[in-house]
Amino acid sequence: MSGHRDIRIEVPVLARVEGEGALELDIEQGRISRLQLRIFEPPRFFEKFVEGHPPDEVIDMVARICGICPVAYQMTAVQAFERLFAVDPGPWVRAMRRVMYCGEWLQSHALHIHLLAAPDFLGFNNVLEMAEHYPDEVRRGLGLQTLGNDLIALFGARSVHPVGVRVGGFHHAPSTAEVDAIRGRLDAALPQAEALIGWCASLDLLDDRQAFVSVALRHPDEYAIYAGRLVSDQGLDIDSSEWDDRFREIHRPHSTALHAELDGGPYLVGPLARLNLNRERLPSATARALAATGIGFPSDNMFHSMLARAVELHMVLLTRIFHK
């Protein structure tokens, strides 16, 4: 039988996304004629209700934007205030904030890979079904996520909506004993993280290549997490203060989520974009683990995003607190 069919697909609820979502897809004569990902989490107006609050209150408040990635919002806010007030927190504070950020990447990437993405790729409805067939992998994911949460709490007093960050530094510094204990756990987790890179690379994923613009931070001396210039693979290289000159955030009728454009076109951020732009700044051990997979970067296969998360997870475990 030859010929093309017209197909309409409606998925009314997508649960494993930020907020709530739905998908609408029309295929006419074998070609996609309409594709809309609807995100309809109601706006919460954080930009407005933080007005009038002292800086340190704002830093705590913006952590409530997300329970999985509160550190990202806090680091953005504290750096904005320090730039506004011409406050230089010094190298130790910057290094420790990067470590705290590493904790967020560790727990967030472990959660995304094991609880959100892998069940879909392996054909399970949820992680509980997956655990019946992949118990060791799920235990690994939960263990890495716990370690990331504890690393956040080391500086933030708690892992969800932490409260330890302030203009100029932290409200409290961890003790030497606490640092030594978590350093040992980071070292012990490295073999699991290396195995995770190999496991993600071994999954039977689609070879779906497409053109996109990668955008990320780039730092001259390290894999950018906390600071750097905004760069792309199409020549962008600007300070964050120049954001409004090149980027535009807009609303679409089908979604409450903001859509963003770079010079009038779409772009990609996140682990795959970061790895595409910063792979030469990976620690040598992480670079070797990635090379052993045989998968080359930069990659234009969106399904390599999960592997990129595993690579970044391994990388953050090599971050050291209080170098001996």
Protein backbone atom coordinates (compact mmCIF):
# COMPACT_ATOMS: atom_id res chain seq x y z
CA MET A 1 0.00 0.00 0.00
CA SER A 2 1.34 3.44 -0.94
CA GLY A 3 0.27 7.00 -0.27
CA HIS A 4 0.12 9.22 2.77
CA ARG A 5 -2.49 9.54 5.48
CA ASP A 6 -3.68 12.61 7.32
CA ILE A 7 -3.16 12.17 11.05
CA ARG A 8 -4.13 14.32 14.04
CA ILE A 9 -2.61 13.57 17.43
CA GLU A 10 -3.72 15.28 20.64
CA VAL A 11 -2.07 14.56 23.97
CA PRO A 12 -4.13 16.54 26.51
CA VAL A 13 -1.77 16.14 29.48
CA LEU A 14 2.02 15.90 29.54
CA ALA A 15 3.04 15.33 33.13
CA ARG A 16 6.83 15.14 32.97
CA VAL A 17 7.44 18.74 31.92
CA GLU A 18 7.96 22.01 33.80
CA GLY A 19 4.42 22.88 34.93
CA GLU A 20 1.73 21.18 32.86
CA GLY A 21 1.64 20.66 29.13
CA ALA A 22 -0.20 19.30 26.10
CA LEU A 23 0.79 18.38 22.57
CA GLU A 24 -1.14 18.95 19.33
CA LEU A 25 0.19 17.53 16.08
CA ASP A 26 -1.28 17.50 12.56
CA ILE A 27 0.27 15.49 9.72
CA GLU A 28 -1.01 16.06 6.20
CA GLN A 29 0.20 14.00 3.27
CA GLY A 30 3.14 12.69 5.29
CA ARG A 31 4.37 16.14 6.41
CA ILE A 32 3.90 17.95 9.72
CA SER A 33 1.59 20.88 9.10
CA ARG A 34 1.08 21.96 12.72
CA LEU A 35 2.99 21.19 15.90
CA GLN A 36 2.26 22.97 19.16
CA LEU A 37 3.65 22.21 22.58
CA ARG A 38 1.32 23.97 24.98
CA ILE A 39 2.65 24.86 28.41
CA PHE A 40 -0.14 26.30 30.51
CA GLU A 41 1.33 26.77 33.95
CA PRO A 42 -0.20 30.06 35.14
CA PRO A 43 2.17 33.03 35.46
CA ARG A 44 3.27 33.79 39.00
CA PHE A 45 4.52 37.37 38.52
CA PHE A 46 7.78 36.95 40.45
CA GLU A 47 9.28 39.95 38.67
CA LYS A 48 6.59 42.17 40.17
CA PHE A 49 6.13 40.93 43.70
CA VAL A 50 9.86 41.01 44.57
CA GLU A 51 9.79 44.78 44.06
CA GLY A 52 10.39 46.69 47.27
CA HIS A 53 12.09 43.83 49.13
CA PRO A 54 15.70 43.98 50.39
CA PRO A 55 18.23 42.13 48.21
CA ASP A 56 18.78 39.18 50.56
CA GLU A 57 15.01 38.65 50.80
CA VAL A 58 14.75 38.64 47.00
CA ILE A 59 17.50 36.01 46.77
CA ASP A 60 15.51 33.73 49.09
CA MET A 61 12.22 34.49 47.34
CA VAL A 62 13.38 33.62 43.83
CA ALA A 63 14.45 30.17 45.05
CA ARG A 64 10.71 29.42 45.22
CA ILE A 65 10.40 29.71 41.44
CA CYS A 66 11.44 26.06 41.09
CA GLY A 67 11.90 23.21 43.54
CA ILE A 68 14.38 21.40 41.27
CA CYS A 69 16.57 24.31 40.15
CA PRO A 70 16.42 26.97 42.91
CA VAL A 71 20.19 27.57 42.86
CA ALA A 72 20.11 28.85 39.29
CA TYR A 73 17.65 31.58 40.23
CA GLN A 74 19.56 32.49 43.38
CA MET A 75 22.91 32.74 41.60
CA THR A 76 21.42 34.94 38.90
CA ALA A 77 19.86 37.24 41.50
CA VAL A 78 22.90 37.52 43.75
CA GLN A 79 25.22 38.27 40.83
CA ALA A 80 22.80 40.94 39.57
CA PHE A 81 22.77 42.65 42.96
CA GLU A 82 26.54 42.44 43.35
CA ARG A 83 27.03 43.96 39.91
CA LEU A 84 24.53 46.70 40.79
CA PHE A 85 26.27 47.50 44.10
CA ALA A 86 29.83 47.00 42.72
CA VAL A 87 30.45 44.22 45.29
CA ASP A 88 33.26 41.74 44.56
CA PRO A 89 32.69 38.64 46.72
CA GLY A 90 36.21 37.33 46.06
CA PRO A 91 37.56 34.07 44.63
CA TRP A 92 36.60 31.80 47.56
CA VAL A 93 32.94 32.80 47.44
CA ARG A 94 32.82 32.44 43.65
CA ALA A 95 34.40 28.98 43.87
CA MET A 96 32.00 27.83 46.59
CA ARG A 97 29.00 29.15 44.71
CA ARG A 98 30.14 27.13 41.73
CA VAL A 99 30.30 24.07 44.00
CA MET A 100 26.76 24.73 45.22
CA TYR A 101 25.67 25.06 41.59
CA CYS A 102 27.37 21.71 40.92
CA GLY A 103 25.11 20.18 43.56
CA GLU A 104 22.07 21.40 41.66
CA TRP A 105 23.35 19.99 38.36
CA LEU A 106 24.12 16.69 40.07
CA GLN A 107 20.65 16.22 41.57
CA SER A 108 18.78 17.70 38.60
CA HIS A 109 20.64 15.67 35.96
CA ALA A 110 20.29 12.45 37.98
CA LEU A 111 16.56 13.07 38.36
CA HIS A 112 16.07 13.92 34.69
CA ILE A 113 17.96 10.89 33.39
CA HIS A 114 16.64 8.20 35.71
CA LEU A 115 13.15 9.39 36.65
CA LEU A 116 11.99 11.42 33.65
CA ALA A 117 13.78 10.50 30.41
CA ALA A 118 14.91 6.88 30.76
CA PRO A 119 11.43 5.45 31.48
CA ASP A 120 10.20 6.94 28.20
CA PHE A 121 13.15 5.72 26.16
CA LEU A 122 12.88 2.22 27.63
CA GLY A 123 9.11 1.96 27.16
CA PHE A 124 7.89 2.27 30.76
CA ASN A 125 5.07 4.43 32.06
CA ASN A 126 7.08 5.60 35.04
CA VAL A 127 10.20 4.95 37.10
CA LEU A 128 8.41 2.41 39.32
CA GLU A 129 7.85 0.16 36.31
CA MET A 130 11.41 0.76 35.19
CA ALA A 131 12.75 -0.20 38.63
CA GLU A 132 11.35 -3.72 38.24
CA HIS A 133 13.64 -4.29 35.26
CA TYR A 134 16.49 -1.87 36.01
CA PRO A 135 16.74 -1.81 39.83
CA ASP A 136 20.47 -1.04 39.95
CA GLU A 137 20.15 1.86 37.54
CA VAL A 138 17.28 3.40 39.50
CA ARG A 139 19.18 3.01 42.79
CA ARG A 140 22.17 4.69 41.16
CA GLY A 141 20.02 7.60 40.05
CA LEU A 142 18.46 8.09 43.47
CA GLY A 143 21.86 7.89 45.15
CA LEU A 144 23.38 10.51 42.85
CA GLN A 145 20.36 12.74 43.31
CA THR A 146 20.67 12.49 47.10
CA LEU A 147 24.35 13.41 46.91
CA GLY A 148 23.50 16.49 44.84
CA ASN A 149 20.83 17.54 47.32
CA ASP A 150 23.29 17.19 50.19
CA LEU A 151 25.86 19.29 48.33
CA ILE A 152 23.29 22.07 47.92
CA ALA A 153 22.37 21.85 51.61
CA LEU A 154 26.05 22.14 52.58
CA PHE A 155 25.87 25.83 51.68
CA GLY A 156 22.13 26.47 51.52
CA ALA A 157 21.00 24.85 54.83
CA ARG A 158 18.48 22.77 52.84
CA SER A 159 18.27 21.40 49.32
CA VAL A 160 14.80 22.61 48.36
CA HIS A 161 14.50 26.42 48.31
CA PRO A 162 17.89 26.93 50.02
CA VAL A 163 18.45 30.00 52.19
CA GLY A 164 22.23 30.24 52.51
CA VAL A 165 23.11 32.69 49.73
CA ARG A 166 23.48 36.41 50.40
CA VAL A 167 25.04 39.46 48.76
CA GLY A 168 28.79 39.19 49.32
CA GLY A 169 28.87 35.51 50.19
CA PHE A 170 26.93 33.07 52.35
CA HIS A 171 25.12 33.29 55.66
CA HIS A 172 27.11 30.29 56.95
CA ALA A 173 30.19 28.37 55.85
CA PRO A 174 30.35 24.58 56.23
CA SER A 175 32.72 23.04 58.73
CA THR A 176 35.90 21.25 57.71
CA ALA A 177 34.41 17.95 58.88
CA GLU A 178 31.33 18.44 56.71
CA VAL A 179 33.50 19.28 53.71
CA ASP A 180 35.75 16.24 54.22
CA ALA A 181 32.74 13.94 54.51
CA ILE A 182 31.08 15.09 51.31
CA ARG A 183 34.38 15.13 49.42
CA GLY A 184 34.72 11.42 50.18
CA ARG A 185 31.20 10.79 48.88
CA LEU A 186 31.97 12.68 45.66
CA ASP A 187 35.04 10.49 45.09
CA ALA A 188 33.06 7.32 45.81
CA ALA A 189 30.38 8.31 43.28
CA LEU A 190 32.77 8.76 40.36
CA PRO A 191 32.63 5.11 39.18
CA GLN A 192 28.83 5.31 39.13
CA ALA A 193 28.97 8.49 37.09
CA GLU A 194 31.38 6.95 34.60
CA ALA A 195 29.13 3.91 34.26
CA LEU A 196 26.19 6.27 33.70
CA ILE A 197 27.93 7.84 30.69
CA GLY A 198 28.39 4.41 29.13
CA TRP A 199 24.82 3.38 29.93
CA CYS A 200 23.29 6.50 28.37
CA ALA A 201 25.46 6.07 25.27
CA SER A 202 24.31 2.45 24.94
CA LEU A 203 20.59 3.26 24.79
CA ASP A 204 18.94 2.71 21.41
CA LEU A 205 18.04 6.32 20.63
CA LEU A 206 16.87 7.83 17.38
CA ASP A 207 19.47 9.35 15.07
CA ASP A 208 17.47 12.55 14.64
CA ARG A 209 19.77 15.21 13.23
CA GLN A 210 18.56 18.76 12.86
CA ALA A 211 19.94 22.26 12.57
CA PHE A 212 19.85 24.43 15.68
CA VAL A 213 21.86 27.27 17.21
CA SER A 214 23.61 26.35 20.47
CA VAL A 215 23.81 29.11 23.11
CA ALA A 216 25.57 28.85 26.48
CA LEU A 217 27.97 30.51 28.87
CA ARG A 218 31.68 30.17 28.19
CA HIS A 219 34.40 30.78 30.77
CA PRO A 220 38.07 31.16 29.81
CA ASP A 221 39.37 28.73 32.45
CA GLU A 222 36.63 26.21 33.25
CA TYR A 223 33.46 24.53 32.08
CA ALA A 224 31.04 27.42 32.56
CA ILE A 225 28.42 27.02 35.27
CA TYR A 226 28.40 30.10 37.47
CA ALA A 227 29.86 32.78 35.23
CA GLY A 228 31.07 33.55 31.73
CA ARG A 229 30.20 35.28 28.49
CA LEU A 230 27.16 34.42 26.38
CA VAL A 231 28.32 32.65 23.23
CA SER A 232 26.83 30.66 20.36
CA ASP A 233 28.13 28.46 17.57
CA GLN A 234 27.14 31.22 15.14
CA GLY A 235 29.53 33.88 16.43
CA LEU A 236 27.66 35.38 19.39
CA ASP A 237 30.06 36.53 22.13
CA ILE A 238 28.58 39.12 24.52
CA ASP A 239 28.41 40.09 28.18
CA SER A 240 25.17 39.25 29.97
CA SER A 241 24.43 42.99 30.21
CA GLU A 242 23.99 42.98 26.42
CA TRP A 243 21.19 40.38 26.53
CA ASP A 244 18.43 42.77 25.50
CA ASP A 245 20.40 43.83 22.42
CA ARG A 246 20.20 40.36 20.85
CA PHE A 247 17.50 38.36 22.62
CA ARG A 248 13.75 38.89 22.72
CA GLU A 249 11.10 37.15 24.86
CA ILE A 250 7.61 36.92 23.39
CA HIS A 251 4.22 35.35 24.07
CA ARG A 252 2.49 32.81 21.83
CA PRO A 253 -1.30 32.33 21.79
CA HIS A 254 -1.12 28.59 22.48
CA SER A 255 1.09 28.75 25.60
CA THR A 256 1.65 30.76 28.76
CA ALA A 257 5.39 30.00 28.63
CA LEU A 258 7.64 32.75 27.30
CA HIS A 259 9.21 32.02 23.92
CA ALA A 260 12.66 33.46 23.23
CA GLU A 261 14.47 34.43 20.05
CA LEU A 262 18.07 35.28 19.23
CA ASP A 263 18.24 37.80 16.41
CA GLY A 264 14.71 36.78 15.41
CA GLY A 265 15.27 33.01 15.37
CA PRO A 266 15.08 30.03 17.76
CA TYR A 267 18.05 28.72 19.69
CA LEU A 268 18.97 25.85 22.04
CA VAL A 269 20.18 26.13 25.63
CA GLY A 270 20.82 23.42 28.21
CA PRO A 271 23.26 20.49 28.53
CA LEU A 272 23.56 19.64 24.82
CA ALA A 273 24.22 23.28 23.87
CA ARG A 274 26.71 23.68 26.73
CA LEU A 275 28.62 20.55 25.81
CA ASN A 276 28.67 21.53 22.14
CA LEU A 277 30.29 24.85 23.07
CA ASN A 278 32.47 23.85 26.04
CA ARG A 279 33.62 20.28 25.41
CA GLU A 280 37.29 21.30 25.30
CA ARG A 281 36.97 22.53 28.90
CA LEU A 282 35.89 19.18 30.33
CA PRO A 283 38.20 17.64 32.94
CA SER A 284 40.49 15.06 31.34
CA ALA A 285 38.80 12.13 33.11
CA THR A 286 35.38 13.22 31.86
CA ALA A 287 36.71 13.78 28.33
CA ARG A 288 38.14 10.24 28.32
CA ALA A 289 34.84 8.75 29.48
CA LEU A 290 32.99 10.58 26.72
CA ALA A 291 35.54 9.58 24.08
CA ALA A 292 35.14 5.93 25.10
CA THR A 293 31.49 6.06 23.96
CA GLY A 294 32.51 6.74 20.36
CA ILE A 295 29.90 9.53 20.13
CA GLY A 296 31.38 12.77 18.87
CA PHE A 297 30.51 16.32 19.91
CA PRO A 298 29.39 18.84 18.85
CA SER A 299 26.24 16.87 18.13
CA ASP A 300 23.17 17.91 16.17
CA ASN A 301 21.14 14.98 17.51
CA MET A 302 18.71 16.29 20.12
CA PHE A 303 18.50 12.81 21.68
CA HIS A 304 22.10 13.22 22.83
CA SER A 305 20.82 15.66 25.47
CA MET A 306 20.58 12.82 27.99
CA LEU A 307 24.17 11.76 27.32
CA ALA A 308 25.23 15.40 27.70
CA ARG A 309 23.59 15.42 31.14
CA ALA A 310 25.51 12.31 32.13
CA VAL A 311 28.75 13.93 30.97
CA GLU A 312 28.05 17.08 32.99
CA LEU A 313 27.10 14.97 36.02
CA HIS A 314 30.50 13.26 35.88
CA MET A 315 32.21 16.62 35.43
CA VAL A 316 30.66 18.21 38.54
CA LEU A 317 31.78 15.30 40.72
CA LEU A 318 35.36 16.34 39.95
CA THR A 319 34.81 19.79 41.46
CA ARG A 320 36.77 20.00 44.69
CA ILE A 321 35.91 21.94 47.85
CA PHE A 322 38.81 23.53 49.72
CA HIS A 323 41.67 22.14 47.67
CA LYS A 324 44.16 20.37 49.88
